[in-house]
């Protein structure tokens, strides 16, 4: 069995606790071939304020648009957020970032749905500073990694979507053979991201109709 190392170019995994109730959430849109699906993240503003603020800043600037999920392990985790992943086939995918790191905010345990910042290993990163943009989602509890990574959000909707993506065929670098693109990350008010309204339409459907 292949050993999964929770590091930057090798993956990073974090922690999760009780649900957050921040006013804003992130709506991520993934595209695989012609299929488009969404995932909603709720932030942990209380325990990882600086990491959350950084994620929101990058999302607002369009930094994540066009990046891809660059690492998958079936039913275990998916990793994304590397700007180098915009160009499929680049050997350095998994090592990129915005050019800075973040101070650790390691306060939450890991559980299914945890969204954590990736980082380099302790041997060369003893301070456990987080990569400035890469993040991963754990698809099952991993208590053996508690206290090692900054968990800044959790999946409120779409964990099944990510689990399905994690099962896609991968190359020798654990990268999906069929590219899974993160086409957009939108920071919206919680009410806007509700799965459906009285009409039964989800947030994407309602806003699509307003635009066209």
C-alpha atoms as a PDB file:
ATOM      1  CA  UNK A   1       0.000   0.000   0.000  1.00  0.00           C
ATOM      2  CA  UNK A   2       1.324   3.410  -0.943  1.00  0.00           C
ATOM      3  CA  UNK A   3       2.208   5.586   2.027  1.00  0.00           C
ATOM      4  CA  UNK A   4       0.372   8.913   2.046  1.00  0.00           C
ATOM      5  CA  UNK A   5       2.498  11.718   3.430  1.00  0.00           C
ATOM      6  CA  UNK A   6       0.456  14.775   4.477  1.00  0.00           C
ATOM      7  CA  UNK A   7       2.823  17.416   3.166  1.00  0.00           C
ATOM      8  CA  UNK A   8       2.913  20.162   0.564  1.00  0.00           C
ATOM      9  CA  UNK A   9       3.965  18.407  -2.605  1.00  0.00           C
ATOM     10  CA  UNK A  10       2.822  15.185  -0.966  1.00  0.00           C
ATOM     11  CA  UNK A  11      -0.477  16.473   0.581  1.00  0.00           C
ATOM     12  CA  UNK A  12      -1.445  18.110   3.815  1.00  0.00           C
ATOM     13  CA  UNK A  13      -4.169  17.128   6.201  1.00  0.00           C
ATOM     14  CA  UNK A  14      -5.744  18.947   9.128  1.00  0.00           C
ATOM     15  CA  UNK A  15      -8.397  19.041  11.823  1.00  0.00           C
ATOM     16  CA  UNK A  16     -12.075  19.709  12.411  1.00  0.00           C
ATOM     17  CA  UNK A  17     -14.391  20.246  15.339  1.00  0.00           C
ATOM     18  CA  UNK A  18     -17.811  21.868  15.742  1.00  0.00           C
ATOM     19  CA  UNK A  19     -19.589  23.646  12.849  1.00  0.00           C
ATOM     20  CA  UNK A  20     -18.762  27.302  12.269  1.00  0.00           C
ATOM     21  CA  UNK A  21     -21.432  29.954  11.888  1.00  0.00           C
ATOM     22  CA  UNK A  22     -19.595  32.774  10.149  1.00  0.00           C
ATOM     23  CA  UNK A  23     -21.664  35.207   8.094  1.00  0.00           C
ATOM     24  CA  UNK A  24     -19.845  34.385   4.869  1.00  0.00           C
ATOM     25  CA  UNK A  25     -19.235  31.054   3.161  1.00  0.00           C
ATOM     26  CA  UNK A  26     -17.256  30.000   0.105  1.00  0.00           C
ATOM     27  CA  UNK A  27     -18.979  28.504  -2.934  1.00  0.00           C
ATOM     28  CA  UNK A  28     -16.545  26.456  -5.012  1.00  0.00           C
ATOM     29  CA  UNK A  29     -17.442  25.348  -8.522  1.00  0.00           C
ATOM     30  CA  UNK A  30     -15.660  22.311  -9.964  1.00  0.00           C
ATOM     31  CA  UNK A  31     -15.757  21.196 -13.576  1.00  0.00           C
ATOM     32  CA  UNK A  32     -14.890  17.714 -14.811  1.00  0.00           C
ATOM     33  CA  UNK A  33     -15.385  17.450 -18.548  1.00  0.00           C
ATOM     34  CA  UNK A  34     -18.876  18.852 -19.127  1.00  0.00           C
ATOM     35  CA  UNK A  35     -20.045  18.239 -15.557  1.00  0.00           C
ATOM     36  CA  UNK A  36     -20.177  21.177 -13.144  1.00  0.00           C
ATOM     37  CA  UNK A  37     -20.700  20.678  -9.411  1.00  0.00           C
ATOM     38  CA  UNK A  38     -20.467  22.877  -6.363  1.00  0.00           C
ATOM     39  CA  UNK A  39     -19.062  22.601  -2.870  1.00  0.00           C
ATOM     40  CA  UNK A  40     -19.803  25.002  -0.004  1.00  0.00           C
ATOM     41  CA  UNK A  41     -17.301  25.717   2.767  1.00  0.00           C
ATOM     42  CA  UNK A  42     -18.060  27.224   6.156  1.00  0.00           C
ATOM     43  CA  UNK A  43     -15.176  29.082   7.783  1.00  0.00           C
ATOM     44  CA  UNK A  44     -13.689  28.855  11.253  1.00  0.00           C
ATOM     45  CA  UNK A  45     -13.289  32.591  11.791  1.00  0.00           C
ATOM     46  CA  UNK A  46     -12.843  32.070  15.509  1.00  0.00           C
ATOM     47  CA  UNK A  47      -9.894  29.690  15.480  1.00  0.00           C
ATOM     48  CA  UNK A  48      -8.112  30.512  12.208  1.00  0.00           C
ATOM     49  CA  UNK A  49      -8.874  34.181  11.460  1.00  0.00           C
ATOM     50  CA  UNK A  50      -5.697  34.958   9.511  1.00  0.00           C
ATOM     51  CA  UNK A  51      -5.908  31.843   7.349  1.00  0.00           C
ATOM     52  CA  UNK A  52      -9.573  32.518   6.617  1.00  0.00           C
ATOM     53  CA  UNK A  53      -8.848  36.151   5.714  1.00  0.00           C
ATOM     54  CA  UNK A  54      -6.096  35.024   3.355  1.00  0.00           C
ATOM     55  CA  UNK A  55      -8.347  32.484   1.631  1.00  0.00           C
ATOM     56  CA  UNK A  56     -11.045  35.123   1.153  1.00  0.00           C
ATOM     57  CA  UNK A  57      -8.501  37.582  -0.241  1.00  0.00           C
ATOM     58  CA  UNK A  58      -7.205  35.098  -2.781  1.00  0.00           C
ATOM     59  CA  UNK A  59     -10.724  34.076  -3.762  1.00  0.00           C
ATOM     60  CA  UNK A  60     -11.772  37.688  -4.286  1.00  0.00           C
ATOM     61  CA  UNK A  61      -8.756  38.312  -6.521  1.00  0.00           C
ATOM     62  CA  UNK A  62      -9.580  35.304  -8.716  1.00  0.00           C
ATOM     63  CA  UNK A  63      -6.373  33.531  -7.678  1.00  0.00           C
ATOM     64  CA  UNK A  64      -8.028  30.109  -7.503  1.00  0.00           C
ATOM     65  CA  UNK A  65      -9.967  30.371 -10.756  1.00  0.00           C
ATOM     66  CA  UNK A  66      -8.638  27.837 -13.235  1.00  0.00           C
ATOM     67  CA  UNK A  67      -6.541  25.890 -10.752  1.00  0.00           C
ATOM     68  CA  UNK A  68      -7.137  22.152 -10.491  1.00  0.00           C
ATOM     69  CA  UNK A  69      -7.332  19.424  -7.917  1.00  0.00           C
ATOM     70  CA  UNK A  70      -3.787  18.120  -8.177  1.00  0.00           C
ATOM     71  CA  UNK A  71      -3.804  15.225  -5.716  1.00  0.00           C
ATOM     72  CA  UNK A  72      -6.389  12.583  -4.867  1.00  0.00           C
ATOM     73  CA  UNK A  73      -6.599   9.501  -2.653  1.00  0.00           C
ATOM     74  CA  UNK A  74      -9.826   7.509  -2.860  1.00  0.00           C
ATOM     75  CA  UNK A  75     -12.171   8.149   0.077  1.00  0.00           C
ATOM     76  CA  UNK A  76      -9.332   9.867   1.943  1.00  0.00           C
ATOM     77  CA  UNK A  77      -8.466  13.338   0.647  1.00  0.00           C
ATOM     78  CA  UNK A  78      -8.272  15.793  -2.239  1.00  0.00           C
ATOM     79  CA  UNK A  79      -5.807  18.672  -2.507  1.00  0.00           C
ATOM     80  CA  UNK A  80      -5.992  21.895  -4.525  1.00  0.00           C
ATOM     81  CA  UNK A  81      -4.930  25.541  -4.585  1.00  0.00           C
ATOM     82  CA  UNK A  82      -1.624  25.350  -6.481  1.00  0.00           C
ATOM     83  CA  UNK A  83      -1.387  27.994  -9.238  1.00  0.00           C
ATOM     84  CA  UNK A  84       1.023  25.697 -11.109  1.00  0.00           C
ATOM     85  CA  UNK A  85      -1.872  23.266 -11.636  1.00  0.00           C
ATOM     86  CA  UNK A  86      -3.370  25.615 -14.231  1.00  0.00           C
ATOM     87  CA  UNK A  87      -0.898  24.100 -16.666  1.00  0.00           C
ATOM     88  CA  UNK A  88      -1.429  20.351 -16.767  1.00  0.00           C
ATOM     89  CA  UNK A  89       1.727  18.277 -17.039  1.00  0.00           C
ATOM     90  CA  UNK A  90       3.978  20.636 -15.123  1.00  0.00           C
ATOM     91  CA  UNK A  91       6.343  18.523 -13.030  1.00  0.00           C
ATOM     92  CA  UNK A  92       6.429  21.051 -10.211  1.00  0.00           C
ATOM     93  CA  UNK A  93       2.689  20.848  -9.512  1.00  0.00           C
ATOM     94  CA  UNK A  94       2.215  20.571  -5.758  1.00  0.00           C
ATOM     95  CA  UNK A  95       5.004  22.987  -4.888  1.00  0.00           C
ATOM     96  CA  UNK A  96       3.451  26.303  -5.923  1.00  0.00           C
ATOM     97  CA  UNK A  97       1.822  29.087  -3.965  1.00  0.00           C
ATOM     98  CA  UNK A  98       1.319  32.859  -3.847  1.00  0.00           C
ATOM     99  CA  UNK A  99       4.910  33.534  -2.792  1.00  0.00           C
ATOM    100  CA  UNK A 100       4.434  33.643   0.976  1.00  0.00           C
ATOM    101  CA  UNK A 101       3.563  31.391   3.897  1.00  0.00           C
ATOM    102  CA  UNK A 102       1.227  31.850   6.857  1.00  0.00           C
ATOM    103  CA  UNK A 103       1.713  31.496  10.583  1.00  0.00           C
ATOM    104  CA  UNK A 104       0.096  28.308  11.921  1.00  0.00           C
ATOM    105  CA  UNK A 105      -3.300  28.440  13.615  1.00  0.00           C
ATOM    106  CA  UNK A 106      -3.483  24.828  14.750  1.00  0.00           C
ATOM    107  CA  UNK A 107      -6.470  24.645  17.056  1.00  0.00           C
ATOM    108  CA  UNK A 108      -8.956  22.139  15.633  1.00  0.00           C
ATOM    109  CA  UNK A 109      -8.962  18.394  15.289  1.00  0.00           C
ATOM    110  CA  UNK A 110      -9.353  16.615  12.003  1.00  0.00           C
ATOM    111  CA  UNK A 111     -12.594  14.937  10.985  1.00  0.00           C
ATOM    112  CA  UNK A 112     -14.457  14.176   7.802  1.00  0.00           C
ATOM    113  CA  UNK A 113     -14.940  17.416   5.865  1.00  0.00           C
ATOM    114  CA  UNK A 114     -12.011  19.272   7.409  1.00  0.00           C
ATOM    115  CA  UNK A 115     -10.446  21.899   5.143  1.00  0.00           C
ATOM    116  CA  UNK A 116      -6.831  22.556   6.062  1.00  0.00           C
ATOM    117  CA  UNK A 117      -3.840  24.453   4.746  1.00  0.00           C
ATOM    118  CA  UNK A 118      -1.042  22.404   3.177  1.00  0.00           C
ATOM    119  CA  UNK A 119       2.525  22.856   4.348  1.00  0.00           C
ATOM    120  CA  UNK A 120       6.078  21.585   4.030  1.00  0.00           C
ATOM    121  CA  UNK A 121       7.238  18.805   6.398  1.00  0.00           C
ATOM    122  CA  UNK A 122       8.491  19.429   9.936  1.00  0.00           C
ATOM    123  CA  UNK A 123      12.064  18.573   8.967  1.00  0.00           C
ATOM    124  CA  UNK A 124      12.350  21.720   6.837  1.00  0.00           C
ATOM    125  CA  UNK A 125       9.423  23.610   8.338  1.00  0.00           C
ATOM    126  CA  UNK A 126       9.618  23.139  12.114  1.00  0.00           C
ATOM    127  CA  UNK A 127       7.393  26.175  12.710  1.00  0.00           C
ATOM    128  CA  UNK A 128       4.654  24.412  10.706  1.00  0.00           C
ATOM    129  CA  UNK A 129       3.930  27.488   8.613  1.00  0.00           C
ATOM    130  CA  UNK A 130       1.159  26.970   6.083  1.00  0.00           C
ATOM    131  CA  UNK A 131       1.434  27.317   2.327  1.00  0.00           C
ATOM    132  CA  UNK A 132      -0.211  30.573   1.272  1.00  0.00           C
ATOM    133  CA  UNK A 133      -2.811  29.030  -1.030  1.00  0.00           C
ATOM    134  CA  UNK A 134      -2.824  25.230  -1.109  1.00  0.00           C
ATOM    135  CA  UNK A 135      -5.508  23.449   0.847  1.00  0.00           C
ATOM    136  CA  UNK A 136      -6.949  19.969   1.148  1.00  0.00           C
ATOM    137  CA  UNK A 137     -10.159  18.353   2.297  1.00  0.00           C
ATOM    138  CA  UNK A 138     -10.114  15.189   4.382  1.00  0.00           C
ATOM    139  CA  UNK A 139     -12.902  12.796   3.480  1.00  0.00           C
ATOM    140  CA  UNK A 140     -12.730  10.743   6.673  1.00  0.00           C
ATOM    141  CA  UNK A 141     -11.520  11.324  10.240  1.00  0.00           C
ATOM    142  CA  UNK A 142      -7.720  11.172  10.605  1.00  0.00           C
ATOM    143  CA  UNK A 143      -7.008  11.618  14.325  1.00  0.00           C
ATOM    144  CA  UNK A 144      -3.376  10.591  13.843  1.00  0.00           C
ATOM    145  CA  UNK A 145      -2.832  14.000  12.242  1.00  0.00           C
ATOM    146  CA  UNK A 146      -4.519  16.072  14.952  1.00  0.00           C
ATOM    147  CA  UNK A 147      -2.450  19.040  16.073  1.00  0.00           C
ATOM    148  CA  UNK A 148      -0.337  19.208  12.913  1.00  0.00           C
ATOM    149  CA  UNK A 149      -2.189  21.390  10.396  1.00  0.00           C
ATOM    150  CA  UNK A 150      -4.249  24.574  10.348  1.00  0.00           C
ATOM    151  CA  UNK A 151      -7.911  23.736   9.796  1.00  0.00           C
ATOM    152  CA  UNK A 152      -9.738  26.867   8.678  1.00  0.00           C
ATOM    153  CA  UNK A 153     -13.060  25.573   7.330  1.00  0.00           C
ATOM    154  CA  UNK A 154     -15.245  22.539   6.831  1.00  0.00           C
ATOM    155  CA  UNK A 155     -17.421  21.269   3.992  1.00  0.00           C
ATOM    156  CA  UNK A 156     -21.050  22.212   4.600  1.00  0.00           C
ATOM    157  CA  UNK A 157     -22.254  20.902   1.255  1.00  0.00           C
ATOM    158  CA  UNK A 158     -20.696  18.679  -1.385  1.00  0.00           C
ATOM    159  CA  UNK A 159     -18.547  16.251   0.562  1.00  0.00           C
ATOM    160  CA  UNK A 160     -20.053  13.538  -1.650  1.00  0.00           C
ATOM    161  CA  UNK A 161     -18.889  15.483  -4.705  1.00  0.00           C
ATOM    162  CA  UNK A 162     -15.315  15.549  -3.411  1.00  0.00           C
ATOM    163  CA  UNK A 163     -15.444  11.901  -2.423  1.00  0.00           C
ATOM    164  CA  UNK A 164     -16.453  11.005  -5.964  1.00  0.00           C
ATOM    165  CA  UNK A 165     -13.630  13.133  -7.354  1.00  0.00           C
ATOM    166  CA  UNK A 166     -11.196  11.345  -5.037  1.00  0.00           C
ATOM    167  CA  UNK A 167     -12.014   8.080  -6.775  1.00  0.00           C
ATOM    168  CA  UNK A 168     -11.052   9.243 -10.262  1.00  0.00           C
ATOM    169  CA  UNK A 169      -8.123   7.599 -12.025  1.00  0.00           C
ATOM    170  CA  UNK A 170      -4.793   9.178 -11.070  1.00  0.00           C
ATOM    171  CA  UNK A 171      -1.314   9.174 -12.585  1.00  0.00           C
ATOM    172  CA  UNK A 172       1.904   8.232 -10.792  1.00  0.00           C
ATOM    173  CA  UNK A 173       1.919  11.633  -9.056  1.00  0.00           C
ATOM    174  CA  UNK A 174      -1.583  10.985  -7.659  1.00  0.00           C
ATOM    175  CA  UNK A 175      -2.988  13.693  -9.945  1.00  0.00           C
ATOM    176  CA  UNK A 176      -6.354  13.043 -11.670  1.00  0.00           C
ATOM    177  CA  UNK A 177      -5.886  11.826 -15.233  1.00  0.00           C
ATOM    178  CA  UNK A 178      -8.974  13.812 -16.257  1.00  0.00           C
ATOM    179  CA  UNK A 179      -8.417  17.338 -14.993  1.00  0.00           C
ATOM    180  CA  UNK A 180     -10.828  18.567 -12.329  1.00  0.00           C
ATOM    181  CA  UNK A 181     -10.816  22.356 -12.593  1.00  0.00           C
ATOM    182  CA  UNK A 182     -11.797  24.771  -9.849  1.00  0.00           C
ATOM    183  CA  UNK A 183     -13.494  27.267 -12.142  1.00  0.00           C
ATOM    184  CA  UNK A 184     -14.473  29.736  -9.434  1.00  0.00           C
ATOM    185  CA  UNK A 185     -14.476  30.448  -5.706  1.00  0.00           C
ATOM    186  CA  UNK A 186     -17.109  32.943  -4.574  1.00  0.00           C
ATOM    187  CA  UNK A 187     -17.393  34.402  -1.080  1.00  0.00           C
ATOM    188  CA  UNK A 188     -21.078  35.035  -0.407  1.00  0.00           C
ATOM    189  CA  UNK A 189     -23.440  35.628   2.486  1.00  0.00           C
ATOM    190  CA  UNK A 190     -24.654  32.426   4.099  1.00  0.00           C
ATOM    191  CA  UNK A 191     -28.240  33.003   2.974  1.00  0.00           C
ATOM    192  CA  UNK A 192     -27.171  33.206  -0.661  1.00  0.00           C
ATOM    193  CA  UNK A 193     -25.559  29.802  -0.519  1.00  0.00           C
ATOM    194  CA  UNK A 194     -28.518  27.863   0.826  1.00  0.00           C
ATOM    195  CA  UNK A 195     -28.987  24.632  -1.095  1.00  0.00           C
ATOM    196  CA  UNK A 196     -32.486  25.625  -2.212  1.00  0.00           C
ATOM    197  CA  UNK A 197     -35.224  28.193  -1.697  1.00  0.00           C
ATOM    198  CA  UNK A 198     -39.008  27.915  -1.687  1.00  0.00           C
ATOM    199  CA  UNK A 199     -39.001  27.298  -5.442  1.00  0.00           C
ATOM    200  CA  UNK A 200     -36.603  24.378  -4.989  1.00  0.00           C
ATOM    201  CA  UNK A 201     -33.854  26.137  -6.966  1.00  0.00           C
ATOM    202  CA  UNK A 202     -30.315  26.238  -5.676  1.00  0.00           C
ATOM    203  CA  UNK A 203     -28.103  29.314  -5.442  1.00  0.00           C
ATOM    204  CA  UNK A 204     -26.471  28.754  -8.830  1.00  0.00           C
ATOM    205  CA  UNK A 205     -29.814  28.336 -10.595  1.00  0.00           C
ATOM    206  CA  UNK A 206     -31.285  31.498  -9.052  1.00  0.00           C
ATOM    207  CA  UNK A 207     -28.289  33.644  -9.925  1.00  0.00           C
ATOM    208  CA  UNK A 208     -28.017  32.218 -13.432  1.00  0.00           C
ATOM    209  CA  UNK A 209     -31.615  33.278 -14.097  1.00  0.00           C
ATOM    210  CA  UNK A 210     -30.908  36.794 -12.807  1.00  0.00           C
ATOM    211  CA  UNK A 211     -27.991  37.173 -15.184  1.00  0.00           C
ATOM    212  CA  UNK A 212     -29.598  35.765 -18.323  1.00  0.00           C
END
